[in-house]
Protein backbone atom coordinates (compact mmCIF):
# COMPACT_ATOMS: atom_id res chain seq x y z
CA MET A 1 -31.70 -87.34 35.87
CA SER A 2 -30.08 -90.73 36.45
CA GLN A 3 -28.00 -90.29 33.30
CA ARG A 4 -26.70 -86.98 34.59
CA ARG A 5 -25.75 -88.52 37.95
CA THR A 6 -24.02 -91.33 36.16
CA LEU A 7 -22.06 -88.80 34.05
CA VAL A 8 -21.00 -86.84 37.14
CA ALA A 9 -19.92 -90.02 38.89
CA VAL A 10 -17.84 -91.07 35.90
CA ALA A 11 -16.18 -87.64 35.84
CA LEU A 12 -15.30 -87.85 39.54
CA VAL A 13 -13.83 -91.33 39.10
CA LEU A 14 -11.68 -90.15 36.19
CA LEU A 15 -10.41 -87.11 38.09
CA VAL A 16 -9.53 -89.26 41.12
CA ALA A 17 -7.73 -91.71 38.87
CA LEU A 18 -5.77 -88.87 37.28
CA ALA A 19 -4.77 -87.56 40.70
CA GLY A 20 -3.62 -91.03 41.68
CA CYS A 21 -1.52 -91.34 38.56
CA ASN A 22 0.12 -87.97 39.22
CA GLY A 23 0.82 -88.95 42.81
CA ALA A 24 2.34 -92.22 41.68
CA ALA A 25 4.48 -90.43 39.15
CA ASN A 26 5.70 -87.97 41.78
CA GLY A 27 6.36 -90.83 44.16
CA GLY A 28 8.34 -92.64 41.48
CA GLU A 29 10.39 -89.56 40.87
CA SER A 30 11.06 -89.17 44.60
CA GLY A 31 12.05 -92.81 44.83
CA GLY A 32 14.43 -92.42 41.94
CA MET A 33 15.99 -89.43 43.62
CA SER A 34 16.45 -91.32 46.87
CA THR A 35 18.09 -94.17 44.97
CA GLN A 36 20.39 -91.72 43.33
CA VAL A 37 21.38 -90.27 46.69
CA ALA A 38 21.99 -93.76 48.09
CA ASP A 39 24.07 -94.67 45.08
CA GLY A 40 25.94 -91.42 45.47
CA GLY A 41 26.63 -92.24 49.12
CA ALA A 42 27.89 -95.68 48.19
CA ALA A 43 30.05 -94.22 45.49
CA THR A 44 31.46 -91.71 47.97
CA GLU A 45 32.39 -94.50 50.38
CA ALA A 46 33.97 -96.45 47.53
CA GLU A 47 35.95 -93.39 46.51
CA ALA A 48 37.12 -92.91 50.08
CA ALA A 49 38.18 -96.53 50.27
CA SER A 50 40.02 -96.41 46.99
CA GLY A 51 41.66 -93.07 47.57
CA GLY A 52 39.23 -91.00 45.46
CA SER A 53 39.65 -92.88 42.22
CA GLY A 54 36.06 -91.99 41.17
CA GLY A 55 36.72 -88.25 40.95
CA GLY A 56 36.91 -88.37 37.18
CA ASN A 57 33.44 -89.94 36.94
CA ALA A 58 31.97 -87.27 39.22
CA ASP A 59 33.49 -84.51 37.08
CA ALA A 60 32.10 -86.09 33.94
CA SER A 61 28.64 -86.36 35.53
CA ALA A 62 28.74 -82.70 36.60
CA GLN A 63 29.82 -81.66 33.11
CA ALA A 64 26.96 -83.63 31.55
CA ASN A 65 24.52 -81.99 33.97
CA VAL A 66 25.74 -78.52 32.99
CA GLN A 67 25.44 -79.30 29.29
CA SER A 68 21.85 -80.49 29.75
CA ARG A 69 20.75 -77.16 31.19
CA ARG A 70 18.59 -74.96 28.97
CA LEU A 71 20.23 -71.52 28.82
CA ILE A 72 19.16 -68.26 27.19
CA LYS A 73 22.18 -66.17 26.18
CA THR A 74 21.89 -62.45 25.44
CA GLY A 75 24.46 -59.70 25.07
CA THR A 76 25.25 -56.14 24.02
CA VAL A 77 28.39 -54.89 22.29
CA GLY A 78 29.13 -51.23 21.57
CA VAL A 79 31.82 -50.48 18.99
CA GLU A 80 33.16 -47.31 17.38
CA VAL A 81 33.74 -48.16 13.72
CA ASP A 82 35.26 -46.42 10.75
CA SER A 83 32.32 -47.20 8.45
CA PHE A 84 28.83 -48.09 9.61
CA ASP A 85 27.89 -49.65 6.27
CA ALA A 86 31.02 -51.79 6.06
CA SER A 87 30.65 -53.09 9.62
CA THR A 88 26.97 -53.80 9.05
CA ALA A 89 27.83 -55.86 5.96
CA ASN A 90 30.58 -57.74 7.85
CA LEU A 91 28.34 -58.66 10.79
CA THR A 92 25.45 -59.63 8.51
CA ALA A 93 27.71 -61.99 6.59
CA ALA A 94 29.12 -63.39 9.83
CA VAL A 95 25.75 -64.12 11.43
CA GLU A 96 24.44 -65.68 8.23
CA GLY A 97 27.55 -67.82 8.06
CA TYR A 98 26.74 -69.17 11.52
CA GLY A 99 23.21 -70.01 10.39
CA GLY A 100 21.62 -67.01 12.08
CA PHE A 101 19.89 -63.87 10.88
CA VAL A 102 19.43 -60.13 11.51
CA SER A 103 16.12 -59.68 13.34
CA ASP A 104 16.16 -55.88 13.64
CA SER A 105 18.26 -52.88 12.62
CA THR A 106 18.20 -49.10 13.03
CA GLN A 107 20.31 -46.39 11.43
CA GLU A 108 20.58 -42.65 12.13
CA ARG A 109 22.57 -40.12 10.14
CA HIS A 110 23.85 -37.00 11.93
CA ARG A 111 25.33 -33.79 10.55
CA VAL A 112 28.06 -31.55 11.94
CA ASP A 113 28.54 -28.51 9.70
CA ASN A 114 29.08 -30.06 6.27
CA GLU A 115 30.16 -33.47 7.55
CA THR A 116 27.97 -36.44 8.49
CA TYR A 117 28.36 -39.55 10.61
CA THR A 118 26.12 -42.57 11.20
CA THR A 119 25.06 -44.46 14.30
CA GLY A 120 22.73 -47.42 14.72
CA ARG A 121 22.29 -50.92 16.02
CA LEU A 122 21.84 -54.49 14.82
CA VAL A 123 19.92 -57.21 16.65
CA LEU A 124 21.48 -60.53 15.66
CA ARG A 125 20.06 -64.02 16.31
CA VAL A 126 22.61 -66.81 16.16
CA PRO A 127 22.65 -70.49 17.24
CA ALA A 128 23.62 -70.69 20.91
CA ASP A 129 26.84 -72.59 20.22
CA ASP A 130 28.12 -69.72 18.03
CA PHE A 131 27.19 -66.87 20.39
CA ASP A 132 30.71 -66.37 21.80
CA ALA A 133 32.23 -66.41 18.32
CA LEU A 134 29.79 -63.73 17.16
CA VAL A 135 30.67 -61.56 20.16
CA GLU A 136 34.33 -61.74 19.16
CA ASP A 137 33.43 -60.84 15.56
CA ALA A 138 31.56 -57.77 16.77
CA LYS A 139 34.45 -56.69 19.01
CA ALA A 140 36.84 -57.00 16.07
CA GLU A 141 34.98 -54.33 14.07
CA GLY A 142 36.56 -51.37 15.84
CA ASP A 143 37.22 -49.76 19.21
CA VAL A 144 35.12 -51.57 21.82
CA GLN A 145 33.11 -49.23 24.06
CA VAL A 146 31.00 -51.71 26.03
CA VAL A 147 30.50 -55.49 26.25
CA LYS A 148 27.72 -57.06 28.32
CA THR A 149 26.58 -60.69 28.29
CA ASN A 150 23.92 -62.48 30.30
CA THR A 151 22.89 -66.12 30.73
CA GLU A 152 19.46 -67.12 32.05
CA ASP A 153 18.77 -70.72 33.10
CA VAL A 154 15.20 -71.67 32.11
CA THR A 155 15.49 -75.42 32.62
CA ASP A 156 13.09 -75.48 35.56
CA ARG A 157 10.58 -73.28 33.75
CA LEU A 158 10.52 -75.61 30.75
CA VAL A 159 10.15 -78.69 32.96
CA ASP A 160 7.27 -77.03 34.81
CA LEU A 161 5.57 -76.05 31.57
CA GLU A 162 5.85 -79.57 30.19
CA ALA A 163 4.39 -81.06 33.39
CA ARG A 164 1.47 -78.65 33.32
CA LEU A 165 0.88 -79.39 29.66
CA GLU A 166 0.80 -83.13 30.30
CA ASN A 167 -1.84 -82.67 33.01
CA LEU A 168 -3.91 -80.36 30.83
CA ARG A 169 -3.75 -82.76 27.88
CA ALA A 170 -4.93 -85.58 30.13
CA GLN A 171 -7.83 -83.40 31.30
CA ARG A 172 -8.64 -82.56 27.70
CA ASP A 173 -8.81 -86.27 26.79
CA GLN A 174 -11.13 -86.93 29.72
CA LEU A 175 -13.38 -84.02 28.79
CA ARG A 176 -13.54 -85.27 25.21
CA ASP A 177 -14.72 -88.66 26.50
CA LEU A 178 -17.34 -86.97 28.68
CA TYR A 179 -18.43 -84.84 25.74
CA ALA A 180 -18.93 -87.96 23.62
CA ARG A 181 -21.02 -89.57 26.37
CA ALA A 182 -23.13 -86.52 27.22
CA ASN A 183 -26.78 -86.93 26.33
CA THR A 184 -28.46 -83.75 27.53
CA THR A 185 -27.95 -80.27 26.13
CA GLU A 186 -26.99 -78.94 29.58
CA ASP A 187 -24.23 -81.53 29.98
CA VAL A 188 -22.95 -80.93 26.46
CA LEU A 189 -22.69 -77.15 27.03
CA ALA A 190 -21.02 -77.57 30.44
CA VAL A 191 -18.40 -80.00 29.12
CA GLN A 192 -17.87 -77.85 26.04
CA ARG A 193 -17.12 -74.79 28.19
CA GLU A 194 -14.62 -76.72 30.28
CA LEU A 195 -13.04 -78.19 27.18
CA SER A 196 -12.69 -74.73 25.61
CA ASP A 197 -11.00 -73.35 28.76
CA VAL A 198 -8.56 -76.26 28.95
CA GLN A 199 -7.72 -75.99 25.25
CA GLY A 200 -7.07 -72.26 25.60
CA GLU A 201 -4.74 -72.85 28.54
CA ILE A 202 -2.90 -75.55 26.57
CA GLU A 203 -2.36 -73.18 23.63
CA ARG A 204 -1.13 -70.41 25.95
CA LEU A 205 1.41 -72.67 27.69
CA GLU A 206 2.54 -74.16 24.38
CA ALA A 207 3.23 -70.63 23.10
CA GLN A 208 5.29 -69.85 26.21
CA LYS A 209 7.24 -73.07 25.84
CA GLN A 210 7.88 -72.45 22.14
CA SER A 211 9.11 -68.93 22.87
CA LEU A 212 11.53 -70.16 25.53
CA GLU A 213 12.83 -72.96 23.33
CA ASP A 214 13.37 -70.50 20.47
CA ARG A 215 15.34 -68.17 22.73
CA VAL A 216 17.39 -71.12 23.99
CA ALA A 217 18.17 -72.33 20.48
CA TYR A 218 19.02 -68.85 19.11
CA SER A 219 20.91 -66.40 21.27
CA THR A 220 20.43 -62.65 20.85
CA LEU A 221 23.26 -60.14 20.44
CA THR A 222 22.62 -56.41 20.11
CA VAL A 223 25.49 -54.55 18.45
CA ARG A 224 25.67 -50.74 18.59
CA LEU A 225 27.79 -49.27 15.81
CA ASN A 226 28.92 -45.64 16.07
CA GLU A 227 31.03 -43.76 13.57
CA PRO A 228 33.27 -41.12 15.21
CA ARG A 229 31.75 -37.66 15.46
CA PRO A 230 33.49 -35.26 13.03
CA THR A 231 35.50 -32.39 14.49
CA PRO A 232 35.88 -29.72 11.76
CA ASN A 233 39.25 -27.99 11.76
CA ARG A 234 38.68 -24.42 12.92
CA ILE A 235 41.76 -22.27 13.35
CA ALA A 236 41.14 -19.36 15.70
CA PRO A 237 42.87 -16.09 14.71
CA ASP A 238 45.70 -14.87 16.89
CA ARG A 239 44.12 -11.38 17.21
CA TRP A 240 40.40 -10.59 17.25
CA TYR A 241 40.74 -7.99 14.47
CA ASP A 242 42.20 -10.65 12.18
CA THR A 243 38.77 -12.33 12.04
CA PRO A 244 37.24 -12.15 8.53
CA VAL A 245 34.61 -9.44 8.14
CA VAL A 246 31.83 -11.77 7.05
CA SER A 247 32.56 -14.20 9.88
CA ALA A 248 32.62 -11.34 12.41
CA PHE A 249 29.27 -10.05 11.09
CA LEU A 250 27.66 -13.49 11.29
CA GLN A 251 28.98 -13.99 14.81
CA SER A 252 27.55 -10.61 15.81
CA VAL A 253 24.18 -11.53 14.31
CA ASP A 254 24.22 -14.73 16.31
CA GLY A 255 25.00 -12.73 19.42
CA VAL A 256 22.10 -10.36 18.78
CA VAL A 257 19.75 -13.30 18.32
CA VAL A 258 20.96 -14.86 21.55
CA VAL A 259 20.51 -11.62 23.49
CA ALA A 260 17.05 -11.04 22.01
CA ARG A 261 15.99 -14.57 22.87
CA ALA A 262 17.34 -14.14 26.41
CA LEU A 263 15.34 -10.92 26.80
CA VAL A 264 12.14 -12.58 25.59
CA VAL A 265 12.66 -15.51 27.94
CA GLY A 266 13.42 -13.14 30.82
CA VAL A 267 10.24 -11.15 30.19
CA ALA A 268 8.24 -14.38 30.03
CA TYR A 269 9.64 -15.42 33.39
CA ALA A 270 9.06 -11.99 34.99
CA LEU A 271 5.55 -11.36 33.59
CA PRO A 272 3.67 -13.56 36.11
CA TYR A 273 5.42 -11.80 39.00
CA VAL A 274 4.57 -8.41 37.56
CA ILE A 275 0.91 -9.38 37.20
CA ALA A 276 0.74 -10.93 40.67
CA PHE A 277 2.60 -8.30 42.69
CA VAL A 278 3.42 -5.09 40.79
CA LEU A 279 0.07 -4.61 39.03
CA PRO A 280 -2.02 -4.69 42.26
CA LEU A 281 0.34 -2.13 43.84
CA VAL A 282 -0.02 0.17 40.81
CA VAL A 283 -3.82 -0.14 40.96
CA LEU A 284 -3.89 0.63 44.70
CA ALA A 285 -1.56 3.60 44.23
CA GLY A 286 -3.80 4.97 41.45
CA LEU A 287 -6.91 4.61 43.61
CA ALA A 288 -5.21 6.29 46.53
CA TRP A 289 -4.10 9.17 44.34
CA ARG A 290 -7.59 9.72 42.94
CA PHE A 291 -9.17 9.48 46.40
CA ARG A 292 -6.75 12.06 47.81
CA HIS A 293 -7.42 14.57 45.01
CA ARG A 294 -11.19 14.20 45.41
CA LEU A 295 -11.16 15.15 49.10
CA PRO A 296 -12.39 18.73 49.72
CA ARG A 297 -9.64 21.11 50.66
CA VAL A 298 -10.07 22.91 54.00
């Protein structure tokens, strides 16, 4: 019993120490921020005194801050192309030349009379620095129909994930120490459960962080490629009786089929109304007629 109390006391001391370390770290960060603000104020006064000579340094600092942001770039480009296969080959070579790859592709072949055309899309992953160049390559493949790009800043999410991971790893180390010191089966099982939960949370957050970092490193561009839809040349005759006999017969057959289908659909629509309203009236009329003829004549 005394060993268990000692173990619990050690665990409480370690958790309090961890909380103190986190508080000190946060305090250090806050102090650093205050110092930065004070320095910024001093710099502003110096700039005012010297006529704004520090403007170049401020611009450089802002530029460095922008470049340190972690950005996820995505985009969509729709292009009408002369040849789906040729454009696919061009974009595949381009993305591979940038050090990227094709992560997904779809292709559909359509038919109009005896002619065919192809549509589809490519999902391209390219290093973030080459994203804009790849967009221009896609636009150069044909007539541009749509261009959409989006940038998502995930810097704060990554910082938060890293902070949470640091805390969880510290908890894991403490639980491992407690596990090594545990003497009773009950304590071993309790620490083991906690350790398993913390390890699972660490793996989940590490997977999220890895996914975000992968999307930051490799931007995603979806390119829709559409060949133009064929328009067969059909010359209408000047007079209806100049239509070829076979063509006129086939058109008439199509007309008969359309009319027959329309009649069937019309009957299908009307049948529920007939059953609901007309049929009861017919039944009532038949009953009335039979009742009237059964009455004795005076």
